[in-house]
Amino acid sequence: MMSNFEFLLILLFCNSIVLIGLVLRSIKKKSPRIILKFFFLPVIVSCLFGLFIQEVFQVSEISNRQLMANFLLVIWCLKSFYSYKSIKSLLLEDFLAFIRHQISDKKYLALLTKVVKVSSIQIICFSSVFSLNYLSGFSQFSFLDIIGVILCLIGLFIELISDKEMRTKERDKFLTKGLRSYVLHPNITGIIFFLTGLQVLAFGGVGSEWSFIGLLIATFIIYKILIPKIESNLLKKYPDYSSYINKMPKIFSFKKIT
């Protein structure tokens, strides 16, 4: 029987191949738009490939929990093709700069190594679903699974509302109404709810507790890298944003502030 480590290595290889393809396509087009738009495409391919491996090698039976987790993640990734543009630009700015420098200096091995590292982070951050694609546990839904699905749906709902509000805001002003009258970054709130829901689903799998590391790493990236970049970018555009930052909670709040 294939070990969990071997299973993840195969998925990492698959994920890396797709990400390398996106990088090469972007280099050919001389534009980062392809990577920015389809950055989570490797995750979709790896999810589907994981299901394929599980079925072909009969690693375990496919469960309802597993199908639901994969479906939700694929929907989220497809949604990312048409949203998170500013978030992905900030999150990937160092990676895109690295690509440009390595291409200019013709250091292709260093570029390949970097792509594999980024691919590894993708696999780790969504390890909740990948762990289910190895040993998904009993097929029947449990109460914990229902909680996980509800958290994912709440996250998606918050993200959709946040996206809708952003599309209607005035271009020369930062948004302080709607969800942003409660927290600074409701879109990030939605993402955290979604990832937490996937992790709760993963707890129904066999030996999937290790995947909790992925949620911790994703949360670290959000809090320590992404949010500071978002706020720094907004401060450059809107100098008076600093007073708004000081009085608003960043992610979670049930109280309307503004």
C-alpha atoms as a PDB file:
ATOM      1  CA  MET A   1       0.000   0.000   0.000  1.00  0.00           C
ATOM      2  CA  MET A   2       1.184   3.495  -0.827  1.00  0.00           C
ATOM      3  CA  SER A   3       2.321   5.464   2.223  1.00  0.00           C
ATOM      4  CA  ASN A   4       0.976   8.907   3.089  1.00  0.00           C
ATOM      5  CA  PHE A   5       4.409  10.412   2.385  1.00  0.00           C
ATOM      6  CA  GLU A   6       4.600   8.787  -1.074  1.00  0.00           C
ATOM      7  CA  PHE A   7       1.065   9.985  -1.812  1.00  0.00           C
ATOM      8  CA  LEU A   8       1.973  13.579  -0.919  1.00  0.00           C
ATOM      9  CA  LEU A   9       5.198  13.417  -2.970  1.00  0.00           C
ATOM     10  CA  ILE A  10       3.196  12.386  -6.041  1.00  0.00           C
ATOM     11  CA  LEU A  11       0.765  15.255  -5.467  1.00  0.00           C
ATOM     12  CA  LEU A  12       3.666  17.667  -4.980  1.00  0.00           C
ATOM     13  CA  PHE A  13       5.128  16.531  -8.298  1.00  0.00           C
ATOM     14  CA  CYS A  14       1.746  17.023 -10.010  1.00  0.00           C
ATOM     15  CA  ASN A  15       1.227  20.428  -8.379  1.00  0.00           C
ATOM     16  CA  SER A  16       4.742  21.558  -9.325  1.00  0.00           C
ATOM     17  CA  ILE A  17       4.336  20.507 -12.961  1.00  0.00           C
ATOM     18  CA  VAL A  18       1.166  22.590 -13.328  1.00  0.00           C
ATOM     19  CA  LEU A  19       2.734  25.577 -11.564  1.00  0.00           C
ATOM     20  CA  ILE A  20       5.834  25.316 -13.776  1.00  0.00           C
ATOM     21  CA  GLY A  21       3.506  25.326 -16.780  1.00  0.00           C
ATOM     22  CA  LEU A  22       1.879  28.550 -15.543  1.00  0.00           C
ATOM     23  CA  VAL A  23       5.297  30.148 -15.008  1.00  0.00           C
ATOM     24  CA  LEU A  24       6.497  29.147 -18.488  1.00  0.00           C
ATOM     25  CA  ARG A  25       3.292  30.430 -20.050  1.00  0.00           C
ATOM     26  CA  SER A  26       3.664  33.740 -18.224  1.00  0.00           C
ATOM     27  CA  ILE A  27       7.289  34.015 -19.355  1.00  0.00           C
ATOM     28  CA  LYS A  28       6.264  33.348 -22.944  1.00  0.00           C
ATOM     29  CA  LYS A  29       3.512  35.974 -22.756  1.00  0.00           C
ATOM     30  CA  LYS A  30       5.835  38.344 -20.845  1.00  0.00           C
ATOM     31  CA  SER A  31       3.030  39.020 -18.399  1.00  0.00           C
ATOM     32  CA  PRO A  32       2.325  37.902 -14.814  1.00  0.00           C
ATOM     33  CA  ARG A  33      -1.424  37.861 -15.414  1.00  0.00           C
ATOM     34  CA  ILE A  34      -1.573  34.122 -16.070  1.00  0.00           C
ATOM     35  CA  ILE A  35       0.107  33.249 -12.762  1.00  0.00           C
ATOM     36  CA  LEU A  36      -1.996  35.793 -10.883  1.00  0.00           C
ATOM     37  CA  LYS A  37      -5.279  34.573 -12.339  1.00  0.00           C
ATOM     38  CA  PHE A  38      -4.645  30.832 -12.239  1.00  0.00           C
ATOM     39  CA  PHE A  39      -2.378  30.592  -9.192  1.00  0.00           C
ATOM     40  CA  PHE A  40      -4.687  28.048  -7.521  1.00  0.00           C
ATOM     41  CA  LEU A  41      -5.158  25.936 -10.671  1.00  0.00           C
ATOM     42  CA  PRO A  42      -2.418  23.502  -9.508  1.00  0.00           C
ATOM     43  CA  VAL A  43      -4.446  22.873  -6.346  1.00  0.00           C
ATOM     44  CA  ILE A  44      -7.505  21.879  -8.418  1.00  0.00           C
ATOM     45  CA  VAL A  45      -5.448  19.531 -10.584  1.00  0.00           C
ATOM     46  CA  SER A  46      -3.768  17.997  -7.523  1.00  0.00           C
ATOM     47  CA  CYS A  47      -7.155  17.436  -5.843  1.00  0.00           C
ATOM     48  CA  LEU A  48      -8.556  15.625  -8.858  1.00  0.00           C
ATOM     49  CA  PHE A  49      -5.325  13.687  -9.343  1.00  0.00           C
ATOM     50  CA  GLY A  50      -5.431  12.657  -5.681  1.00  0.00           C
ATOM     51  CA  LEU A  51      -8.934  11.229  -6.174  1.00  0.00           C
ATOM     52  CA  PHE A  52      -7.695   9.411  -9.281  1.00  0.00           C
ATOM     53  CA  ILE A  53      -4.725   7.884  -7.428  1.00  0.00           C
ATOM     54  CA  GLN A  54      -6.939   6.821  -4.543  1.00  0.00           C
ATOM     55  CA  GLU A  55      -9.306   5.042  -6.910  1.00  0.00           C
ATOM     56  CA  VAL A  56      -6.682   3.419  -9.164  1.00  0.00           C
ATOM     57  CA  PHE A  57      -4.395   2.210  -6.368  1.00  0.00           C
ATOM     58  CA  GLN A  58      -7.341   1.444  -4.065  1.00  0.00           C
ATOM     59  CA  VAL A  59      -5.760   3.397  -1.209  1.00  0.00           C
ATOM     60  CA  SER A  60      -9.173   3.642   0.472  1.00  0.00           C
ATOM     61  CA  GLU A  61     -12.833   4.055  -0.379  1.00  0.00           C
ATOM     62  CA  ILE A  62     -14.007   7.488  -1.483  1.00  0.00           C
ATOM     63  CA  SER A  63     -16.250   8.977   1.214  1.00  0.00           C
ATOM     64  CA  ASN A  64     -18.974  11.628   1.136  1.00  0.00           C
ATOM     65  CA  ARG A  65     -16.819  13.751   3.437  1.00  0.00           C
ATOM     66  CA  GLN A  66     -13.954  13.601   0.971  1.00  0.00           C
ATOM     67  CA  LEU A  67     -16.139  14.435  -2.029  1.00  0.00           C
ATOM     68  CA  MET A  68     -17.634  17.416  -0.196  1.00  0.00           C
ATOM     69  CA  ALA A  69     -14.199  18.752   0.845  1.00  0.00           C
ATOM     70  CA  ASN A  70     -12.848  18.412  -2.702  1.00  0.00           C
ATOM     71  CA  PHE A  71     -15.971  20.009  -4.177  1.00  0.00           C
ATOM     72  CA  LEU A  72     -15.767  22.991  -1.822  1.00  0.00           C
ATOM     73  CA  LEU A  73     -12.056  23.504  -2.462  1.00  0.00           C
ATOM     74  CA  VAL A  74     -12.493  23.293  -6.242  1.00  0.00           C
ATOM     75  CA  ILE A  75     -15.332  25.853  -6.065  1.00  0.00           C
ATOM     76  CA  TRP A  76     -13.133  28.169  -3.957  1.00  0.00           C
ATOM     77  CA  CYS A  77     -10.217  27.823  -6.389  1.00  0.00           C
ATOM     78  CA  LEU A  78     -12.455  28.486  -9.397  1.00  0.00           C
ATOM     79  CA  LYS A  79     -13.782  31.557  -7.616  1.00  0.00           C
ATOM     80  CA  SER A  80     -10.188  32.727  -7.137  1.00  0.00           C
ATOM     81  CA  PHE A  81      -9.772  32.969 -10.925  1.00  0.00           C
ATOM     82  CA  TYR A  82     -12.132  35.956 -10.893  1.00  0.00           C
ATOM     83  CA  SER A  83     -11.436  37.455  -7.470  1.00  0.00           C
ATOM     84  CA  TYR A  84      -8.612  38.153  -4.985  1.00  0.00           C
ATOM     85  CA  LYS A  85      -6.764  40.097  -7.697  1.00  0.00           C
ATOM     86  CA  SER A  86      -5.215  42.626  -5.313  1.00  0.00           C
ATOM     87  CA  ILE A  87      -4.596  39.970  -2.650  1.00  0.00           C
ATOM     88  CA  LYS A  88      -2.796  37.674  -5.094  1.00  0.00           C
ATOM     89  CA  SER A  89      -0.766  40.585  -6.486  1.00  0.00           C
ATOM     90  CA  LEU A  90       0.503  41.465  -3.003  1.00  0.00           C
ATOM     91  CA  LEU A  91       0.989  37.854  -1.925  1.00  0.00           C
ATOM     92  CA  LEU A  92       2.960  36.958  -5.052  1.00  0.00           C
ATOM     93  CA  GLU A  93       4.888  40.184  -5.654  1.00  0.00           C
ATOM     94  CA  ASP A  94       8.142  38.758  -4.235  1.00  0.00           C
ATOM     95  CA  PHE A  95       7.707  35.522  -6.189  1.00  0.00           C
ATOM     96  CA  LEU A  96       7.062  37.415  -9.443  1.00  0.00           C
ATOM     97  CA  ALA A  97      10.063  39.677  -8.820  1.00  0.00           C
ATOM     98  CA  PHE A  98      12.192  36.588  -8.200  1.00  0.00           C
ATOM     99  CA  ILE A  99      11.043  35.081 -11.517  1.00  0.00           C
ATOM    100  CA  ARG A 100      11.998  38.239 -13.400  1.00  0.00           C
ATOM    101  CA  HIS A 101      15.442  38.387 -11.818  1.00  0.00           C
ATOM    102  CA  GLN A 102      16.218  34.706 -12.407  1.00  0.00           C
ATOM    103  CA  ILE A 103      15.115  34.897 -16.038  1.00  0.00           C
ATOM    104  CA  SER A 104      17.234  38.025 -16.520  1.00  0.00           C
ATOM    105  CA  ASP A 105      20.264  36.327 -14.930  1.00  0.00           C
ATOM    106  CA  LYS A 106      19.509  32.977 -16.655  1.00  0.00           C
ATOM    107  CA  LYS A 107      19.482  31.131 -13.313  1.00  0.00           C
ATOM    108  CA  TYR A 108      16.938  28.544 -14.306  1.00  0.00           C
ATOM    109  CA  LEU A 109      17.795  25.984 -11.604  1.00  0.00           C
ATOM    110  CA  ALA A 110      17.211  28.577  -8.877  1.00  0.00           C
ATOM    111  CA  LEU A 111      13.894  29.440 -10.537  1.00  0.00           C
ATOM    112  CA  LEU A 112      12.861  25.785 -10.639  1.00  0.00           C
ATOM    113  CA  THR A 113      13.778  25.356  -6.976  1.00  0.00           C
ATOM    114  CA  LYS A 114      11.692  28.390  -6.034  1.00  0.00           C
ATOM    115  CA  VAL A 115       8.677  27.119  -7.982  1.00  0.00           C
ATOM    116  CA  VAL A 116       8.859  23.774  -6.172  1.00  0.00           C
ATOM    117  CA  LYS A 117       9.041  25.602  -2.818  1.00  0.00           C
ATOM    118  CA  VAL A 118       5.935  27.640  -3.652  1.00  0.00           C
ATOM    119  CA  SER A 119       4.215  24.458  -4.816  1.00  0.00           C
ATOM    120  CA  SER A 120       5.121  22.812  -1.491  1.00  0.00           C
ATOM    121  CA  ILE A 121       3.475  25.684   0.382  1.00  0.00           C
ATOM    122  CA  GLN A 122       0.309  25.217  -1.671  1.00  0.00           C
ATOM    123  CA  ILE A 123       0.228  21.510  -0.823  1.00  0.00           C
ATOM    124  CA  ILE A 124       0.828  22.188   2.879  1.00  0.00           C
ATOM    125  CA  CYS A 125      -1.762  24.973   3.157  1.00  0.00           C
ATOM    126  CA  PHE A 126      -4.462  22.738   1.653  1.00  0.00           C
ATOM    127  CA  SER A 127      -3.214  19.544   3.285  1.00  0.00           C
ATOM    128  CA  SER A 128      -6.598  19.182   5.013  1.00  0.00           C
ATOM    129  CA  VAL A 129      -8.158  18.095   1.723  1.00  0.00           C
ATOM    130  CA  PHE A 130      -5.119  16.183   0.480  1.00  0.00           C
ATOM    131  CA  SER A 131      -5.059  14.181   3.708  1.00  0.00           C
ATOM    132  CA  LEU A 132      -8.689  13.207   3.093  1.00  0.00           C
ATOM    133  CA  ASN A 133      -7.752  12.030  -0.393  1.00  0.00           C
ATOM    134  CA  TYR A 134      -5.450   9.499   1.239  1.00  0.00           C
ATOM    135  CA  LEU A 135      -7.599   8.031   4.048  1.00  0.00           C
ATOM    136  CA  SER A 136     -10.982   9.720   4.219  1.00  0.00           C
ATOM    137  CA  GLY A 137     -12.532   7.734   7.069  1.00  0.00           C
ATOM    138  CA  PHE A 138     -16.116   6.469   7.295  1.00  0.00           C
ATOM    139  CA  SER A 139     -18.332   7.414   4.382  1.00  0.00           C
ATOM    140  CA  GLN A 140     -21.252   8.671   6.476  1.00  0.00           C
ATOM    141  CA  PHE A 141     -21.418  12.325   7.452  1.00  0.00           C
ATOM    142  CA  SER A 142     -20.892  13.060  11.146  1.00  0.00           C
ATOM    143  CA  PHE A 143     -21.967  16.069  13.208  1.00  0.00           C
ATOM    144  CA  LEU A 144     -18.379  17.353  12.944  1.00  0.00           C
ATOM    145  CA  ASP A 145     -18.562  17.145   9.147  1.00  0.00           C
ATOM    146  CA  ILE A 146     -21.750  19.220   9.138  1.00  0.00           C
ATOM    147  CA  ILE A 147     -20.005  21.893  11.231  1.00  0.00           C
ATOM    148  CA  GLY A 148     -17.104  21.879   8.766  1.00  0.00           C
ATOM    149  CA  VAL A 149     -19.406  22.350   5.777  1.00  0.00           C
ATOM    150  CA  ILE A 150     -21.291  25.165   7.549  1.00  0.00           C
ATOM    151  CA  LEU A 151     -18.011  26.971   8.319  1.00  0.00           C
ATOM    152  CA  CYS A 152     -16.953  26.661   4.670  1.00  0.00           C
ATOM    153  CA  LEU A 153     -20.278  28.016   3.440  1.00  0.00           C
ATOM    154  CA  ILE A 154     -20.143  30.902   5.925  1.00  0.00           C
ATOM    155  CA  GLY A 155     -16.659  31.707   4.659  1.00  0.00           C
ATOM    156  CA  LEU A 156     -17.751  31.644   1.021  1.00  0.00           C
ATOM    157  CA  PHE A 157     -20.788  33.805   1.825  1.00  0.00           C
ATOM    158  CA  ILE A 158     -18.648  36.408   3.620  1.00  0.00           C
ATOM    159  CA  GLU A 159     -16.214  36.471   0.697  1.00  0.00           C
ATOM    160  CA  LEU A 160     -18.987  36.918  -1.867  1.00  0.00           C
ATOM    161  CA  ILE A 161     -20.565  39.783   0.096  1.00  0.00           C
ATOM    162  CA  SER A 162     -17.142  41.393   0.557  1.00  0.00           C
ATOM    163  CA  ASP A 163     -16.398  41.121  -3.177  1.00  0.00           C
ATOM    164  CA  LYS A 164     -19.778  42.640  -4.046  1.00  0.00           C
ATOM    165  CA  GLU A 165     -19.202  45.578  -1.699  1.00  0.00           C
ATOM    166  CA  MET A 166     -15.750  46.218  -3.186  1.00  0.00           C
ATOM    167  CA  ARG A 167     -17.183  46.391  -6.696  1.00  0.00           C
ATOM    168  CA  THR A 168     -19.579  49.170  -5.660  1.00  0.00           C
ATOM    169  CA  LYS A 169     -17.143  51.378  -3.735  1.00  0.00           C
ATOM    170  CA  GLU A 170     -15.901  54.756  -4.970  1.00  0.00           C
ATOM    171  CA  ARG A 171     -12.470  54.503  -6.573  1.00  0.00           C
ATOM    172  CA  ASP A 172     -10.824  57.341  -4.640  1.00  0.00           C
ATOM    173  CA  LYS A 173     -12.061  56.244  -1.187  1.00  0.00           C
ATOM    174  CA  PHE A 174     -11.489  53.216   0.984  1.00  0.00           C
ATOM    175  CA  LEU A 175     -14.597  51.294   1.971  1.00  0.00           C
ATOM    176  CA  THR A 176     -15.940  51.699   5.534  1.00  0.00           C
ATOM    177  CA  LYS A 177     -19.499  50.456   5.065  1.00  0.00           C
ATOM    178  CA  GLY A 178     -21.087  47.026   5.059  1.00  0.00           C
ATOM    179  CA  LEU A 179     -18.863  44.256   6.409  1.00  0.00           C
ATOM    180  CA  ARG A 180     -15.986  46.717   6.691  1.00  0.00           C
ATOM    181  CA  SER A 181     -17.883  48.591   9.379  1.00  0.00           C
ATOM    182  CA  TYR A 182     -17.204  45.526  11.553  1.00  0.00           C
ATOM    183  CA  VAL A 183     -13.685  44.463  10.542  1.00  0.00           C
ATOM    184  CA  LEU A 184     -10.835  45.742   8.385  1.00  0.00           C
ATOM    185  CA  HIS A 185     -10.501  42.671   6.169  1.00  0.00           C
ATOM    186  CA  PRO A 186     -13.800  40.744   5.831  1.00  0.00           C
ATOM    187  CA  ASN A 187     -12.512  38.928   2.743  1.00  0.00           C
ATOM    188  CA  ILE A 188      -9.682  37.507   4.867  1.00  0.00           C
ATOM    189  CA  THR A 189     -12.251  36.620   7.543  1.00  0.00           C
ATOM    190  CA  GLY A 190     -14.091  34.584   4.917  1.00  0.00           C
ATOM    191  CA  ILE A 191     -10.912  32.808   3.846  1.00  0.00           C
ATOM    192  CA  ILE A 192     -10.078  31.860   7.440  1.00  0.00           C
ATOM    193  CA  PHE A 193     -13.611  30.526   8.010  1.00  0.00           C
ATOM    194  CA  PHE A 194     -13.314  28.502   4.806  1.00  0.00           C
ATOM    195  CA  LEU A 195      -9.902  27.008   5.639  1.00  0.00           C
ATOM    196  CA  THR A 196     -11.067  26.215   9.181  1.00  0.00           C
ATOM    197  CA  GLY A 197     -14.121  24.435   7.774  1.00  0.00           C
ATOM    198  CA  LEU A 198     -11.921  22.290   5.532  1.00  0.00           C
ATOM    199  CA  GLN A 199      -9.773  21.428   8.538  1.00  0.00           C
ATOM    200  CA  VAL A 200     -12.809  20.386  10.575  1.00  0.00           C
ATOM    201  CA  LEU A 201     -13.806  18.096   7.689  1.00  0.00           C
ATOM    202  CA  ALA A 202     -10.272  16.688   7.648  1.00  0.00           C
ATOM    203  CA  PHE A 203     -10.538  15.667  11.303  1.00  0.00           C
ATOM    204  CA  GLY A 204     -13.030  13.023  10.157  1.00  0.00           C
ATOM    205  CA  GLY A 205     -10.313  11.297   8.137  1.00  0.00           C
ATOM    206  CA  VAL A 206      -7.963   8.595   9.381  1.00  0.00           C
ATOM    207  CA  GLY A 207      -4.664   9.921  10.739  1.00  0.00           C
ATOM    208  CA  SER A 208      -5.266  13.364   9.239  1.00  0.00           C
ATOM    209  CA  GLU A 209      -4.521  15.332  12.413  1.00  0.00           C
ATOM    210  CA  TRP A 210      -1.105  16.244  11.016  1.00  0.00           C
ATOM    211  CA  SER A 211      -2.823  18.416   8.381  1.00  0.00           C
ATOM    212  CA  PHE A 212      -3.630  20.956  11.123  1.00  0.00           C
ATOM    213  CA  ILE A 213      -0.084  22.199  10.489  1.00  0.00           C
ATOM    214  CA  GLY A 214      -1.339  23.435   7.110  1.00  0.00           C
ATOM    215  CA  LEU A 215      -4.011  25.597   8.723  1.00  0.00           C
ATOM    216  CA  LEU A 216      -1.436  27.041  11.125  1.00  0.00           C
ATOM    217  CA  ILE A 217       0.964  27.872   8.275  1.00  0.00           C
ATOM    218  CA  ALA A 218      -1.817  29.404   6.153  1.00  0.00           C
ATOM    219  CA  THR A 219      -2.910  31.519   9.134  1.00  0.00           C
ATOM    220  CA  PHE A 220       0.685  32.608   9.742  1.00  0.00           C
ATOM    221  CA  ILE A 221       1.046  33.676   6.099  1.00  0.00           C
ATOM    222  CA  ILE A 222      -2.209  35.625   6.302  1.00  0.00           C
ATOM    223  CA  TYR A 223      -1.415  37.426   9.570  1.00  0.00           C
ATOM    224  CA  LYS A 224       2.331  38.006   9.205  1.00  0.00           C
ATOM    225  CA  ILE A 225       2.728  38.517   5.457  1.00  0.00           C
ATOM    226  CA  LEU A 226      -0.537  39.217   3.650  1.00  0.00           C
ATOM    227  CA  ILE A 227      -2.338  41.574   6.058  1.00  0.00           C
ATOM    228  CA  PRO A 228       0.726  43.841   6.628  1.00  0.00           C
ATOM    229  CA  LYS A 229       1.144  44.103   2.848  1.00  0.00           C
ATOM    230  CA  ILE A 230      -2.528  44.939   2.328  1.00  0.00           C
ATOM    231  CA  GLU A 231      -2.461  47.629   5.005  1.00  0.00           C
ATOM    232  CA  SER A 232       0.824  49.081   3.773  1.00  0.00           C
ATOM    233  CA  ASN A 233      -0.597  49.299   0.256  1.00  0.00           C
ATOM    234  CA  LEU A 234      -3.791  51.002   1.483  1.00  0.00           C
ATOM    235  CA  LEU A 235      -1.803  53.485   3.579  1.00  0.00           C
ATOM    236  CA  LYS A 236       0.089  54.530   0.453  1.00  0.00           C
ATOM    237  CA  LYS A 237      -3.168  55.136  -1.405  1.00  0.00           C
ATOM    238  CA  TYR A 238      -5.135  56.667   1.471  1.00  0.00           C
ATOM    239  CA  PRO A 239      -3.098  58.534   4.138  1.00  0.00           C
ATOM    240  CA  ASP A 240      -6.133  58.855   6.426  1.00  0.00           C
ATOM    241  CA  TYR A 241      -6.459  55.057   6.470  1.00  0.00           C
ATOM    242  CA  SER A 242      -4.134  55.007   9.506  1.00  0.00           C
ATOM    243  CA  SER A 243      -6.848  56.365  11.828  1.00  0.00           C
ATOM    244  CA  TYR A 244      -9.280  53.743  10.524  1.00  0.00           C
ATOM    245  CA  ILE A 245      -6.758  50.929  11.186  1.00  0.00           C
ATOM    246  CA  ASN A 246      -6.271  51.998  14.789  1.00  0.00           C
ATOM    247  CA  LYS A 247      -9.934  51.740  15.744  1.00  0.00           C
ATOM    248  CA  MET A 248     -10.986  48.663  13.767  1.00  0.00           C
ATOM    249  CA  PRO A 249     -10.479  44.942  14.537  1.00  0.00           C
ATOM    250  CA  LYS A 250      -8.603  43.221  11.726  1.00  0.00           C
ATOM    251  CA  ILE A 251     -10.447  39.949  11.257  1.00  0.00           C
ATOM    252  CA  PHE A 252     -13.131  39.093  13.811  1.00  0.00           C
ATOM    253  CA  SER A 253     -15.798  41.256  15.439  1.00  0.00           C
ATOM    254  CA  PHE A 254     -19.542  41.041  16.081  1.00  0.00           C
ATOM    255  CA  LYS A 255     -19.812  44.726  16.927  1.00  0.00           C
ATOM    256  CA  LYS A 256     -20.344  47.442  14.360  1.00  0.00           C
ATOM    257  CA  ILE A 257     -17.610  50.078  14.772  1.00  0.00           C
ATOM    258  CA  THR A 258     -18.334  52.624  12.009  1.00  0.00           C
END
